[in-house]
Amino acid sequence: MFLYALSFSYAYLTLGTGLGALILFAAVQITMILINILTGSRLSKGEWTGVIFAFSGFVYLVYPTLTTPSLSGFLLMSLSGIAWGLYSANGKLSKRPLEDTLGNFMRTIPALLVLLLITFDFLQLTSIGVVLAIASGVLASGLGYAIWYSVLPSLKGTAPAVLQLLVPVLAALGGIIFVGESLSLHLVVSAAFIIGGVLTVLYAKKHVAHAS
């Protein structure tokens, strides 16, 4: 968790939002699919089709914002994606998501204190910044990670990896509903590919389970 958050934060100092998301999600997908293969799972043709469709939709979604990445940003974001893939794979074993997530956060404190000492001279803290950071960590991240750990044990194969591609679609829909952003054809097409790919993966998993 600490490695994911640290690499993610520093990578975005040199990467654009869309490009950073593309590298991150690609690394997550590759990591989780490789873990499945190495642990004896094999992807069916339907699953591969769904993964390709969903990821193609995601690439199309972020394509207008893509630029040439810096090497450091690329490596850091790739490392972040690998760390999150491993973190998610570990979550499949969770039986107490809230307790496990709390324990994971607690175990990052020693490393966080070391990072704080190293970067202390460069810190520029404001009261509103501290409040927003705490809210982001406790509410958005903490609650989100706990929910993620609670559903992971019931997800099999490539489902956890491909389902994460719904995040940018949900974020875009949130912008339309709550911020008044416009609904574009670009978003509709990319969302259709992503959702279609996700449904294809889920259907393929269900079909394989019934067949066996």
N, C-alpha and C. Protein backbone atom coordinates (compact mmCIF):
# COMPACT_ATOMS: atom_id res chain seq x y z
N MET A 1 0.83 -1.21 0.00
CA MET A 1 0.00 0.00 0.00
C MET A 1 0.87 1.27 0.00
N PHE A 2 1.89 1.28 0.87
CA PHE A 2 2.77 2.44 0.96
C PHE A 2 3.50 2.67 -0.35
N LEU A 3 4.02 1.60 -0.94
CA LEU A 3 4.75 1.71 -2.20
C LEU A 3 3.84 2.21 -3.31
N TYR A 4 2.62 1.72 -3.34
CA TYR A 4 1.63 2.18 -4.33
C TYR A 4 1.40 3.68 -4.21
N ALA A 5 1.10 4.14 -3.00
CA ALA A 5 0.76 5.54 -2.79
C ALA A 5 1.96 6.46 -3.03
N LEU A 6 3.13 6.03 -2.56
CA LEU A 6 4.34 6.84 -2.72
C LEU A 6 4.70 7.00 -4.19
N SER A 7 4.76 5.89 -4.92
CA SER A 7 5.13 5.93 -6.33
C SER A 7 4.10 6.71 -7.14
N PHE A 8 2.82 6.50 -6.82
CA PHE A 8 1.72 7.19 -7.49
C PHE A 8 1.86 8.71 -7.34
N SER A 9 2.13 9.15 -6.11
CA SER A 9 2.19 10.59 -5.82
C SER A 9 3.35 11.26 -6.54
N TYR A 10 4.53 10.64 -6.51
CA TYR A 10 5.69 11.25 -7.14
C TYR A 10 5.66 11.12 -8.66
N ALA A 11 5.02 10.07 -9.16
CA ALA A 11 4.92 9.91 -10.61
C ALA A 11 4.13 11.04 -11.23
N TYR A 12 3.07 11.48 -10.54
CA TYR A 12 2.22 12.53 -11.11
C TYR A 12 2.86 13.91 -11.09
N LEU A 13 4.06 14.02 -10.54
CA LEU A 13 4.78 15.29 -10.63
C LEU A 13 5.30 15.52 -12.04
N THR A 14 5.46 14.43 -12.80
CA THR A 14 6.00 14.56 -14.16
C THR A 14 5.08 13.97 -15.22
N LEU A 15 3.92 13.44 -14.84
CA LEU A 15 3.00 12.83 -15.80
C LEU A 15 1.67 13.58 -15.83
N GLY A 16 1.05 13.62 -17.00
CA GLY A 16 -0.29 14.15 -17.11
C GLY A 16 -1.28 13.16 -16.53
N THR A 17 -2.49 13.64 -16.24
CA THR A 17 -3.49 12.79 -15.60
C THR A 17 -3.83 11.56 -16.43
N GLY A 18 -4.14 11.78 -17.71
CA GLY A 18 -4.55 10.66 -18.57
C GLY A 18 -3.43 9.66 -18.78
N LEU A 19 -2.23 10.14 -19.05
CA LEU A 19 -1.11 9.25 -19.29
C LEU A 19 -0.77 8.47 -18.03
N GLY A 20 -0.79 9.14 -16.88
CA GLY A 20 -0.51 8.47 -15.62
C GLY A 20 -1.52 7.36 -15.36
N ALA A 21 -2.79 7.65 -15.61
CA ALA A 21 -3.84 6.64 -15.41
C ALA A 21 -3.65 5.46 -16.35
N LEU A 22 -3.26 5.73 -17.59
CA LEU A 22 -3.05 4.66 -18.57
C LEU A 22 -1.92 3.73 -18.12
N ILE A 23 -0.80 4.30 -17.70
CA ILE A 23 0.33 3.49 -17.25
C ILE A 23 -0.05 2.70 -16.00
N LEU A 24 -0.74 3.36 -15.06
CA LEU A 24 -1.14 2.71 -13.82
C LEU A 24 -2.05 1.51 -14.08
N PHE A 25 -3.12 1.73 -14.84
CA PHE A 25 -4.07 0.66 -15.07
C PHE A 25 -3.48 -0.45 -15.92
N ALA A 26 -2.59 -0.10 -16.85
CA ALA A 26 -1.93 -1.14 -17.64
C ALA A 26 -1.07 -2.03 -16.74
N ALA A 27 -0.33 -1.41 -15.83
CA ALA A 27 0.52 -2.17 -14.91
C ALA A 27 -0.32 -3.04 -13.99
N VAL A 28 -1.46 -2.51 -13.52
CA VAL A 28 -2.35 -3.30 -12.66
C VAL A 28 -2.90 -4.50 -13.41
N GLN A 29 -3.38 -4.27 -14.65
CA GLN A 29 -3.94 -5.35 -15.45
C GLN A 29 -2.91 -6.45 -15.68
N ILE A 30 -1.72 -6.06 -16.12
CA ILE A 30 -0.68 -7.04 -16.44
C ILE A 30 -0.29 -7.82 -15.19
N THR A 31 -0.13 -7.11 -14.07
CA THR A 31 0.27 -7.76 -12.83
C THR A 31 -0.76 -8.79 -12.38
N MET A 32 -2.03 -8.41 -12.36
CA MET A 32 -3.07 -9.31 -11.85
C MET A 32 -3.32 -10.48 -12.80
N ILE A 33 -3.20 -10.24 -14.10
CA ILE A 33 -3.35 -11.34 -15.06
C ILE A 33 -2.19 -12.32 -14.94
N LEU A 34 -0.97 -11.80 -14.78
CA LEU A 34 0.20 -12.67 -14.60
C LEU A 34 0.08 -13.49 -13.33
N ILE A 35 -0.42 -12.87 -12.26
CA ILE A 35 -0.61 -13.61 -11.00
C ILE A 35 -1.57 -14.76 -11.20
N ASN A 36 -2.66 -14.52 -11.94
CA ASN A 36 -3.63 -15.58 -12.22
C ASN A 36 -3.00 -16.72 -13.01
N ILE A 37 -2.20 -16.36 -14.01
CA ILE A 37 -1.56 -17.37 -14.84
C ILE A 37 -0.55 -18.18 -14.03
N LEU A 38 0.26 -17.48 -13.21
CA LEU A 38 1.29 -18.15 -12.42
C LEU A 38 0.70 -19.03 -11.33
N THR A 39 -0.52 -18.72 -10.89
CA THR A 39 -1.17 -19.53 -9.86
C THR A 39 -2.03 -20.64 -10.45
N GLY A 40 -1.93 -20.85 -11.76
CA GLY A 40 -2.60 -21.98 -12.36
C GLY A 40 -3.88 -21.68 -13.10
N SER A 41 -4.34 -20.42 -13.06
CA SER A 41 -5.58 -20.07 -13.77
C SER A 41 -5.26 -19.78 -15.23
N ARG A 42 -6.18 -20.13 -16.09
CA ARG A 42 -6.02 -19.86 -17.51
C ARG A 42 -7.21 -19.03 -18.00
N LEU A 43 -6.91 -18.01 -18.77
CA LEU A 43 -7.97 -17.15 -19.28
C LEU A 43 -8.62 -17.79 -20.50
N SER A 44 -9.94 -17.79 -20.51
CA SER A 44 -10.66 -18.29 -21.68
C SER A 44 -10.62 -17.24 -22.79
N LYS A 45 -11.03 -17.64 -23.98
CA LYS A 45 -11.08 -16.69 -25.10
C LYS A 45 -12.02 -15.53 -24.79
N GLY A 46 -13.14 -15.85 -24.12
CA GLY A 46 -14.08 -14.80 -23.76
C GLY A 46 -13.48 -13.78 -22.82
N GLU A 47 -12.69 -14.26 -21.84
CA GLU A 47 -12.03 -13.35 -20.90
C GLU A 47 -11.01 -12.47 -21.61
N TRP A 48 -10.20 -13.08 -22.46
CA TRP A 48 -9.22 -12.29 -23.20
C TRP A 48 -9.91 -11.23 -24.06
N THR A 49 -11.01 -11.61 -24.68
CA THR A 49 -11.77 -10.66 -25.50
C THR A 49 -12.28 -9.51 -24.66
N GLY A 50 -12.84 -9.83 -23.49
CA GLY A 50 -13.36 -8.80 -22.61
C GLY A 50 -12.27 -7.86 -22.11
N VAL A 51 -11.13 -8.43 -21.73
CA VAL A 51 -10.01 -7.61 -21.25
C VAL A 51 -9.54 -6.65 -22.35
N ILE A 52 -9.41 -7.16 -23.57
CA ILE A 52 -8.95 -6.33 -24.69
C ILE A 52 -9.95 -5.22 -25.00
N PHE A 53 -11.23 -5.57 -25.01
CA PHE A 53 -12.26 -4.57 -25.29
C PHE A 53 -12.27 -3.48 -24.20
N ALA A 54 -12.25 -3.90 -22.94
CA ALA A 54 -12.32 -2.95 -21.84
C ALA A 54 -11.10 -2.02 -21.83
N PHE A 55 -9.91 -2.61 -22.03
CA PHE A 55 -8.71 -1.79 -21.99
C PHE A 55 -8.63 -0.88 -23.21
N SER A 56 -9.12 -1.35 -24.36
CA SER A 56 -9.16 -0.50 -25.56
C SER A 56 -10.05 0.71 -25.33
N GLY A 57 -11.19 0.48 -24.66
CA GLY A 57 -12.07 1.60 -24.34
C GLY A 57 -11.42 2.58 -23.41
N PHE A 58 -10.62 2.07 -22.46
CA PHE A 58 -9.92 2.96 -21.54
C PHE A 58 -8.86 3.78 -22.26
N VAL A 59 -8.11 3.11 -23.16
CA VAL A 59 -7.10 3.84 -23.94
C VAL A 59 -7.76 4.94 -24.76
N TYR A 60 -8.90 4.63 -25.37
CA TYR A 60 -9.62 5.62 -26.17
C TYR A 60 -10.10 6.78 -25.30
N LEU A 61 -10.49 6.47 -24.05
CA LEU A 61 -10.96 7.51 -23.14
C LEU A 61 -9.87 8.53 -22.83
N VAL A 62 -8.66 8.05 -22.56
CA VAL A 62 -7.59 8.96 -22.14
C VAL A 62 -6.72 9.43 -23.30
N TYR A 63 -6.94 8.91 -24.50
CA TYR A 63 -6.06 9.20 -25.64
C TYR A 63 -5.85 10.69 -25.91
N PRO A 64 -6.89 11.53 -25.83
CA PRO A 64 -6.67 12.95 -26.15
C PRO A 64 -5.68 13.65 -25.23
N THR A 65 -5.42 13.08 -24.05
CA THR A 65 -4.52 13.75 -23.10
C THR A 65 -3.14 13.12 -23.07
N LEU A 66 -2.87 12.16 -23.95
CA LEU A 66 -1.60 11.45 -23.89
C LEU A 66 -0.46 12.29 -24.45
N THR A 67 0.66 12.23 -23.75
CA THR A 67 1.90 12.87 -24.18
C THR A 67 3.05 11.89 -23.95
N THR A 68 4.23 12.24 -24.41
CA THR A 68 5.38 11.38 -24.18
C THR A 68 5.75 11.41 -22.70
N PRO A 69 5.82 10.25 -22.05
CA PRO A 69 6.10 10.24 -20.61
C PRO A 69 7.57 10.44 -20.29
N SER A 70 7.84 11.01 -19.11
CA SER A 70 9.21 11.05 -18.63
C SER A 70 9.57 9.65 -18.14
N LEU A 71 10.84 9.28 -18.21
CA LEU A 71 11.27 7.94 -17.82
C LEU A 71 10.99 7.71 -16.34
N SER A 72 11.31 8.70 -15.50
CA SER A 72 11.09 8.53 -14.06
C SER A 72 9.61 8.38 -13.75
N GLY A 73 8.77 9.20 -14.40
CA GLY A 73 7.34 9.11 -14.17
C GLY A 73 6.79 7.76 -14.62
N PHE A 74 7.25 7.28 -15.77
CA PHE A 74 6.81 5.98 -16.28
C PHE A 74 7.18 4.86 -15.33
N LEU A 75 8.43 4.87 -14.86
CA LEU A 75 8.89 3.80 -13.97
C LEU A 75 8.16 3.85 -12.63
N LEU A 76 7.97 5.05 -12.08
CA LEU A 76 7.29 5.18 -10.80
C LEU A 76 5.83 4.74 -10.90
N MET A 77 5.14 5.14 -11.97
CA MET A 77 3.74 4.76 -12.10
C MET A 77 3.60 3.27 -12.37
N SER A 78 4.53 2.71 -13.12
CA SER A 78 4.52 1.25 -13.34
C SER A 78 4.71 0.52 -12.02
N LEU A 79 5.64 1.01 -11.21
CA LEU A 79 5.87 0.41 -9.89
C LEU A 79 4.62 0.52 -9.03
N SER A 80 3.93 1.66 -9.12
CA SER A 80 2.69 1.86 -8.36
C SER A 80 1.63 0.86 -8.80
N GLY A 81 1.49 0.65 -10.10
CA GLY A 81 0.51 -0.30 -10.62
C GLY A 81 0.82 -1.73 -10.19
N ILE A 82 2.10 -2.09 -10.22
CA ILE A 82 2.50 -3.44 -9.78
C ILE A 82 2.17 -3.62 -8.30
N ALA A 83 2.47 -2.59 -7.50
CA ALA A 83 2.19 -2.66 -6.06
C ALA A 83 0.69 -2.81 -5.80
N TRP A 84 -0.13 -2.05 -6.55
CA TRP A 84 -1.57 -2.17 -6.34
C TRP A 84 -2.09 -3.53 -6.81
N GLY A 85 -1.52 -4.06 -7.87
CA GLY A 85 -1.91 -5.39 -8.33
C GLY A 85 -1.62 -6.45 -7.28
N LEU A 86 -0.44 -6.37 -6.65
CA LEU A 86 -0.08 -7.30 -5.59
C LEU A 86 -0.96 -7.10 -4.36
N TYR A 87 -1.26 -5.84 -4.05
CA TYR A 87 -2.13 -5.53 -2.91
C TYR A 87 -3.53 -6.11 -3.13
N SER A 88 -4.03 -5.98 -4.35
CA SER A 88 -5.35 -6.51 -4.68
C SER A 88 -5.36 -8.04 -4.64
N ALA A 89 -4.29 -8.65 -5.13
CA ALA A 89 -4.21 -10.11 -5.11
C ALA A 89 -4.21 -10.61 -3.67
N ASN A 90 -3.52 -9.90 -2.79
CA ASN A 90 -3.49 -10.27 -1.38
C ASN A 90 -4.86 -10.12 -0.74
N GLY A 91 -5.65 -9.17 -1.25
CA GLY A 91 -6.98 -8.92 -0.69
C GLY A 91 -7.96 -10.06 -0.89
N LYS A 92 -7.67 -10.97 -1.82
CA LYS A 92 -8.55 -12.11 -2.04
C LYS A 92 -8.58 -13.04 -0.83
N LEU A 93 -7.57 -12.92 0.02
CA LEU A 93 -7.49 -13.76 1.22
C LEU A 93 -8.13 -13.11 2.43
N SER A 94 -8.61 -11.88 2.26
CA SER A 94 -9.16 -11.14 3.39
C SER A 94 -10.50 -11.69 3.84
N LYS A 95 -10.63 -11.91 5.14
CA LYS A 95 -11.89 -12.34 5.72
C LYS A 95 -12.49 -11.24 6.60
N ARG A 96 -11.67 -10.27 6.97
CA ARG A 96 -12.13 -9.13 7.78
C ARG A 96 -11.64 -7.84 7.13
N PRO A 97 -12.34 -7.35 6.13
CA PRO A 97 -11.84 -6.22 5.32
C PRO A 97 -11.53 -4.96 6.12
N LEU A 98 -12.41 -4.58 7.06
CA LEU A 98 -12.17 -3.37 7.84
C LEU A 98 -10.91 -3.51 8.70
N GLU A 99 -10.81 -4.64 9.40
CA GLU A 99 -9.65 -4.86 10.26
C GLU A 99 -8.37 -4.98 9.45
N ASP A 100 -8.45 -5.67 8.32
CA ASP A 100 -7.27 -5.84 7.48
C ASP A 100 -6.81 -4.50 6.89
N THR A 101 -7.77 -3.69 6.46
CA THR A 101 -7.41 -2.38 5.90
C THR A 101 -6.80 -1.48 6.97
N LEU A 102 -7.38 -1.49 8.17
CA LEU A 102 -6.80 -0.72 9.27
C LEU A 102 -5.39 -1.19 9.57
N GLY A 103 -5.20 -2.51 9.60
CA GLY A 103 -3.86 -3.04 9.85
C GLY A 103 -2.88 -2.64 8.77
N ASN A 104 -3.33 -2.63 7.53
CA ASN A 104 -2.45 -2.21 6.43
C ASN A 104 -2.04 -0.76 6.57
N PHE A 105 -3.00 0.10 6.94
CA PHE A 105 -2.66 1.51 7.15
C PHE A 105 -1.68 1.67 8.31
N MET A 106 -1.91 0.93 9.39
CA MET A 106 -1.04 1.03 10.56
C MET A 106 0.38 0.61 10.22
N ARG A 107 0.51 -0.40 9.39
CA ARG A 107 1.84 -0.89 9.04
C ARG A 107 2.61 0.06 8.12
N THR A 108 1.93 1.03 7.53
CA THR A 108 2.64 2.01 6.71
C THR A 108 3.24 3.14 7.54
N ILE A 109 2.84 3.25 8.81
CA ILE A 109 3.26 4.40 9.65
C ILE A 109 4.78 4.48 9.80
N PRO A 110 5.51 3.39 10.10
CA PRO A 110 6.98 3.53 10.21
C PRO A 110 7.61 4.08 8.93
N ALA A 111 7.22 3.54 7.79
CA ALA A 111 7.77 4.03 6.52
C ALA A 111 7.36 5.48 6.28
N LEU A 112 6.13 5.84 6.68
CA LEU A 112 5.66 7.21 6.51
C LEU A 112 6.45 8.18 7.36
N LEU A 113 6.80 7.78 8.58
CA LEU A 113 7.60 8.64 9.46
C LEU A 113 8.99 8.87 8.89
N VAL A 114 9.57 7.82 8.30
CA VAL A 114 10.88 7.97 7.66
C VAL A 114 10.79 8.94 6.49
N LEU A 115 9.74 8.80 5.68
CA LEU A 115 9.54 9.71 4.55
C LEU A 115 9.33 11.14 5.03
N LEU A 116 8.61 11.30 6.13
CA LEU A 116 8.37 12.63 6.69
C LEU A 116 9.67 13.29 7.11
N LEU A 117 10.56 12.53 7.73
CA LEU A 117 11.85 13.07 8.14
C LEU A 117 12.70 13.48 6.94
N ILE A 118 12.67 12.66 5.90
CA ILE A 118 13.48 12.92 4.71
C ILE A 118 12.99 14.17 3.97
N THR A 119 11.69 14.36 3.93
CA THR A 119 11.11 15.44 3.12
C THR A 119 10.66 16.64 3.96
N PHE A 120 10.99 16.64 5.24
CA PHE A 120 10.45 17.67 6.15
C PHE A 120 10.80 19.09 5.69
N ASP A 121 12.02 19.29 5.22
CA ASP A 121 12.45 20.64 4.81
C ASP A 121 11.73 21.13 3.57
N PHE A 122 11.07 20.23 2.84
CA PHE A 122 10.39 20.62 1.60
C PHE A 122 8.87 20.74 1.77
N LEU A 123 8.38 20.45 2.97
CA LEU A 123 6.94 20.47 3.19
C LEU A 123 6.40 21.89 3.18
N GLN A 124 5.24 22.06 2.57
CA GLN A 124 4.52 23.32 2.58
C GLN A 124 3.07 23.03 2.98
N LEU A 125 2.83 23.04 4.27
CA LEU A 125 1.53 22.64 4.80
C LEU A 125 0.61 23.84 4.99
N THR A 126 -0.66 23.64 4.68
CA THR A 126 -1.71 24.61 4.97
C THR A 126 -2.81 23.88 5.72
N SER A 127 -3.58 24.61 6.49
CA SER A 127 -4.63 23.97 7.29
C SER A 127 -5.65 23.26 6.40
N ILE A 128 -6.07 23.91 5.32
CA ILE A 128 -7.05 23.29 4.44
C ILE A 128 -6.45 22.07 3.73
N GLY A 129 -5.17 22.15 3.40
CA GLY A 129 -4.50 21.03 2.76
C GLY A 129 -4.44 19.82 3.68
N VAL A 130 -4.14 20.06 4.95
CA VAL A 130 -4.07 18.96 5.92
C VAL A 130 -5.45 18.32 6.10
N VAL A 131 -6.48 19.18 6.21
CA VAL A 131 -7.85 18.67 6.38
C VAL A 131 -8.27 17.83 5.18
N LEU A 132 -8.00 18.33 3.97
CA LEU A 132 -8.37 17.59 2.76
C LEU A 132 -7.58 16.28 2.64
N ALA A 133 -6.31 16.30 3.04
CA ALA A 133 -5.50 15.09 2.98
C ALA A 133 -6.03 14.03 3.94
N ILE A 134 -6.41 14.46 5.14
CA ILE A 134 -6.96 13.52 6.12
C ILE A 134 -8.29 12.96 5.63
N ALA A 135 -9.14 13.83 5.08
CA ALA A 135 -10.43 13.37 4.56
C ALA A 135 -10.23 12.39 3.41
N SER A 136 -9.26 12.69 2.56
CA SER A 136 -8.97 11.80 1.43
C SER A 136 -8.48 10.44 1.92
N GLY A 137 -7.60 10.46 2.93
CA GLY A 137 -7.06 9.21 3.43
C GLY A 137 -8.07 8.39 4.21
N VAL A 138 -8.79 9.05 5.12
CA VAL A 138 -9.71 8.33 6.01
C VAL A 138 -10.98 7.92 5.28
N LEU A 139 -11.58 8.86 4.55
CA LEU A 139 -12.87 8.60 3.92
C LEU A 139 -12.73 7.94 2.56
N ALA A 140 -12.07 8.63 1.64
CA ALA A 140 -11.99 8.12 0.27
C ALA A 140 -11.14 6.86 0.18
N SER A 141 -9.89 6.96 0.64
CA SER A 141 -8.98 5.82 0.50
C SER A 141 -9.32 4.70 1.49
N GLY A 142 -9.40 5.04 2.76
CA GLY A 142 -9.64 4.02 3.78
C GLY A 142 -10.93 3.25 3.54
N LEU A 143 -12.02 3.96 3.33
CA LEU A 143 -13.30 3.30 3.10
C LEU A 143 -13.29 2.55 1.77
N GLY A 144 -12.70 3.18 0.76
CA GLY A 144 -12.63 2.53 -0.55
C GLY A 144 -11.84 1.25 -0.52
N TYR A 145 -10.69 1.25 0.17
CA TYR A 145 -9.86 0.05 0.27
C TYR A 145 -10.59 -1.05 1.03
N ALA A 146 -11.31 -0.67 2.09
CA ALA A 146 -12.06 -1.65 2.88
C ALA A 146 -13.16 -2.30 2.04
N ILE A 147 -13.86 -1.49 1.26
CA ILE A 147 -14.91 -2.04 0.37
C ILE A 147 -14.28 -2.96 -0.67
N TRP A 148 -13.14 -2.54 -1.21
CA TRP A 148 -12.44 -3.35 -2.21
C TRP A 148 -12.04 -4.70 -1.64
N TYR A 149 -11.52 -4.70 -0.42
CA TYR A 149 -11.14 -5.96 0.23
C TYR A 149 -12.35 -6.82 0.54
N SER A 150 -13.50 -6.19 0.76
CA SER A 150 -14.70 -6.97 1.09
C SER A 150 -15.27 -7.70 -0.12
N VAL A 151 -15.04 -7.16 -1.32
CA VAL A 151 -15.60 -7.81 -2.53
C VAL A 151 -14.59 -8.71 -3.23
N LEU A 152 -13.30 -8.50 -2.99
CA LEU A 152 -12.28 -9.27 -3.71
C LEU A 152 -12.42 -10.79 -3.53
N PRO A 153 -12.70 -11.30 -2.32
CA PRO A 153 -12.79 -12.76 -2.18
C PRO A 153 -13.87 -13.40 -3.05
N SER A 154 -14.88 -12.64 -3.43
CA SER A 154 -15.96 -13.20 -4.25
C SER A 154 -15.71 -13.03 -5.75
N LEU A 155 -14.62 -12.38 -6.11
CA LEU A 155 -14.29 -12.16 -7.52
C LEU A 155 -13.20 -13.14 -7.94
N LYS A 156 -13.37 -13.75 -9.07
CA LYS A 156 -12.44 -14.77 -9.52
C LYS A 156 -11.73 -14.35 -10.80
N GLY A 157 -10.56 -14.94 -11.01
CA GLY A 157 -9.83 -14.76 -12.27
C GLY A 157 -9.52 -13.31 -12.58
N THR A 158 -9.87 -12.91 -13.81
CA THR A 158 -9.54 -11.56 -14.28
C THR A 158 -10.56 -10.51 -13.86
N ALA A 159 -11.66 -10.93 -13.23
CA ALA A 159 -12.72 -9.98 -12.87
C ALA A 159 -12.21 -8.81 -12.03
N PRO A 160 -11.40 -9.03 -10.96
CA PRO A 160 -10.92 -7.89 -10.17
C PRO A 160 -10.10 -6.90 -11.00
N ALA A 161 -9.29 -7.43 -11.91
CA ALA A 161 -8.44 -6.56 -12.72
C ALA A 161 -9.26 -5.69 -13.67
N VAL A 162 -10.18 -6.32 -14.39
CA VAL A 162 -10.92 -5.59 -15.41
C VAL A 162 -11.98 -4.67 -14.80
N LEU A 163 -12.53 -5.03 -13.64
CA LEU A 163 -13.53 -4.19 -13.00
C LEU A 163 -12.98 -2.82 -12.63
N GLN A 164 -11.68 -2.75 -12.37
CA GLN A 164 -11.08 -1.48 -11.99
C GLN A 164 -11.09 -0.47 -13.13
N LEU A 165 -11.26 -0.95 -14.36
CA LEU A 165 -11.33 -0.04 -15.49
C LEU A 165 -12.63 0.76 -15.50
N LEU A 166 -13.59 0.36 -14.65
CA LEU A 166 -14.83 1.13 -14.53
C LEU A 166 -14.62 2.43 -13.76
N VAL A 167 -13.52 2.53 -13.02
CA VAL A 167 -13.29 3.70 -12.16
C VAL A 167 -13.31 5.01 -12.95
N PRO A 168 -12.55 5.15 -14.05
CA PRO A 168 -12.61 6.42 -14.79
C PRO A 168 -13.98 6.71 -15.39
N VAL A 169 -14.73 5.67 -15.76
CA VAL A 169 -16.08 5.88 -16.28
C VAL A 169 -16.99 6.43 -15.18
N LEU A 170 -16.91 5.85 -13.99
CA LEU A 170 -17.70 6.33 -12.86
C LEU A 170 -17.30 7.75 -12.48
N ALA A 171 -16.00 8.04 -12.55
CA ALA A 171 -15.54 9.39 -12.24
C ALA A 171 -16.10 10.40 -13.24
N ALA A 172 -16.10 10.01 -14.52
CA ALA A 172 -16.64 10.90 -15.56
C ALA A 172 -18.13 11.12 -15.36
N LEU A 173 -18.87 10.05 -15.01
CA LEU A 173 -20.30 10.20 -14.75
C LEU A 173 -20.55 11.08 -13.54
N GLY A 174 -19.68 10.96 -12.54
CA GLY A 174 -19.80 11.84 -11.37
C GLY A 174 -19.61 13.30 -11.74
N GLY A 175 -18.68 13.54 -12.66
CA GLY A 175 -18.47 14.91 -13.12
C GLY A 175 -19.68 15.46 -13.85
N ILE A 176 -20.36 14.61 -14.61
CA ILE A 176 -21.56 15.03 -15.33
C ILE A 176 -22.70 15.33 -14.36
N ILE A 177 -22.86 14.45 -13.36
CA ILE A 177 -23.99 14.59 -12.42
C ILE A 177 -23.77 15.72 -11.42
N PHE A 178 -22.57 15.80 -10.86
CA PHE A 178 -22.34 16.70 -9.74
C PHE A 178 -21.64 18.02 -10.11
N VAL A 179 -20.91 18.03 -11.22
CA VAL A 179 -20.14 19.22 -11.58
C VAL A 179 -20.69 19.89 -12.82
N GLY A 180 -21.62 19.23 -13.49
CA GLY A 180 -22.21 19.84 -14.67
C GLY A 180 -21.39 19.71 -15.93
N GLU A 181 -20.47 18.73 -15.97
CA GLU A 181 -19.68 18.52 -17.17
C GLU A 181 -20.57 17.94 -18.28
N SER A 182 -20.17 18.16 -19.53
CA SER A 182 -21.01 17.73 -20.65
C SER A 182 -20.77 16.26 -20.99
N LEU A 183 -21.82 15.62 -21.48
CA LEU A 183 -21.74 14.23 -21.92
C LEU A 183 -21.36 14.23 -23.40
N SER A 184 -20.19 13.68 -23.71
CA SER A 184 -19.68 13.71 -25.08
C SER A 184 -19.79 12.34 -25.73
N LEU A 185 -19.76 12.33 -27.05
CA LEU A 185 -19.76 11.08 -27.79
C LEU A 185 -18.51 10.28 -27.46
N HIS A 186 -17.41 10.97 -27.25
CA HIS A 186 -16.15 10.32 -26.89
C HIS A 186 -16.32 9.49 -25.62
N LEU A 187 -16.96 10.06 -24.61
CA LEU A 187 -17.18 9.35 -23.35
C LEU A 187 -18.14 8.18 -23.54
N VAL A 188 -19.19 8.40 -24.32
CA VAL A 188 -20.18 7.34 -24.55
C VAL A 188 -19.53 6.13 -25.23
N VAL A 189 -18.72 6.38 -26.25
CA VAL A 189 -18.07 5.29 -26.98
C VAL A 189 -17.10 4.54 -26.07
N SER A 190 -16.26 5.27 -25.35
CA SER A 190 -15.28 4.62 -24.47
C SER A 190 -15.97 3.86 -23.35
N ALA A 191 -17.03 4.44 -22.78
CA ALA A 191 -17.77 3.76 -21.72
C ALA A 191 -18.42 2.48 -22.24
N ALA A 192 -18.92 2.53 -23.47
CA ALA A 192 -19.55 1.34 -24.06
C ALA A 192 -18.53 0.22 -24.22
N PHE A 193 -17.32 0.54 -24.66
CA PHE A 193 -16.27 -0.46 -24.80
C PHE A 193 -15.87 -1.03 -23.45
N ILE A 194 -15.69 -0.14 -22.46
CA ILE A 194 -15.25 -0.60 -21.14
C ILE A 194 -16.32 -1.46 -20.48
N ILE A 195 -17.55 -0.97 -20.46
CA ILE A 195 -18.64 -1.73 -19.83
C ILE A 195 -18.89 -3.04 -20.58
N GLY A 196 -18.85 -2.96 -21.91
CA GLY A 196 -19.02 -4.18 -22.69
C GLY A 196 -17.93 -5.19 -22.41
N GLY A 197 -16.70 -4.73 -22.28
CA GLY A 197 -15.59 -5.62 -21.97
C GLY A 197 -15.74 -6.25 -20.59
N VAL A 198 -16.13 -5.44 -19.62
CA VAL A 198 -16.33 -5.95 -18.26
C VAL A 198 -17.42 -7.02 -18.25
N LEU A 199 -18.54 -6.75 -18.91
CA LEU A 199 -19.64 -7.71 -18.97
C LEU A 199 -19.21 -8.99 -19.68
N THR A 200 -18.38 -8.85 -20.70
CA THR A 200 -17.89 -10.02 -21.43
C THR A 200 -17.05 -10.91 -20.51
N VAL A 201 -16.17 -10.29 -19.72
CA VAL A 201 -15.35 -11.04 -18.77
C VAL A 201 -16.22 -11.76 -17.75
N LEU A 202 -17.19 -11.03 -17.18
CA LEU A 202 -18.06 -11.63 -16.16
C LEU A 202 -18.89 -12.77 -16.75
N TYR A 203 -19.39 -12.57 -17.97
CA TYR A 203 -20.17 -13.63 -18.62
C TYR A 203 -19.30 -14.85 -18.90
N ALA A 204 -18.07 -14.59 -19.36
CA ALA A 204 -17.16 -15.70 -19.68
C ALA A 204 -16.84 -16.50 -18.42
N LYS A 205 -16.61 -15.80 -17.30
CA LYS A 205 -16.34 -16.49 -16.04
C LYS A 205 -17.52 -17.33 -15.61
N LYS A 206 -18.73 -16.78 -15.74
CA LYS A 206 -19.93 -17.51 -15.35
C LYS A 206 -20.14 -18.72 -16.25
N HIS A 207 -19.88 -18.55 -17.53
CA HIS A 207 -20.06 -19.65 -18.48
C HIS A 207 -19.09 -20.78 -18.20
N VAL A 208 -17.83 -20.43 -17.89
CA VAL A 208 -16.82 -21.44 -17.58
C VAL A 208 -17.18 -22.16 -16.30
N ALA A 209 -17.67 -21.41 -15.29
CA ALA A 209 -18.04 -22.02 -14.01
C ALA A 209 -19.18 -23.01 -14.20
N HIS A 210 -20.17 -22.67 -15.02
CA HIS A 210 -21.31 -23.55 -15.26
C HIS A 210 -20.88 -24.79 -16.04
N ALA A 211 -19.95 -24.58 -16.98
CA ALA A 211 -19.49 -25.69 -17.81
C ALA A 211 -18.70 -26.71 -17.00
N SER A 212 -18.00 -26.22 -15.96
CA SER A 212 -17.20 -27.12 -15.14
C SER A 212 -18.04 -27.79 -14.05
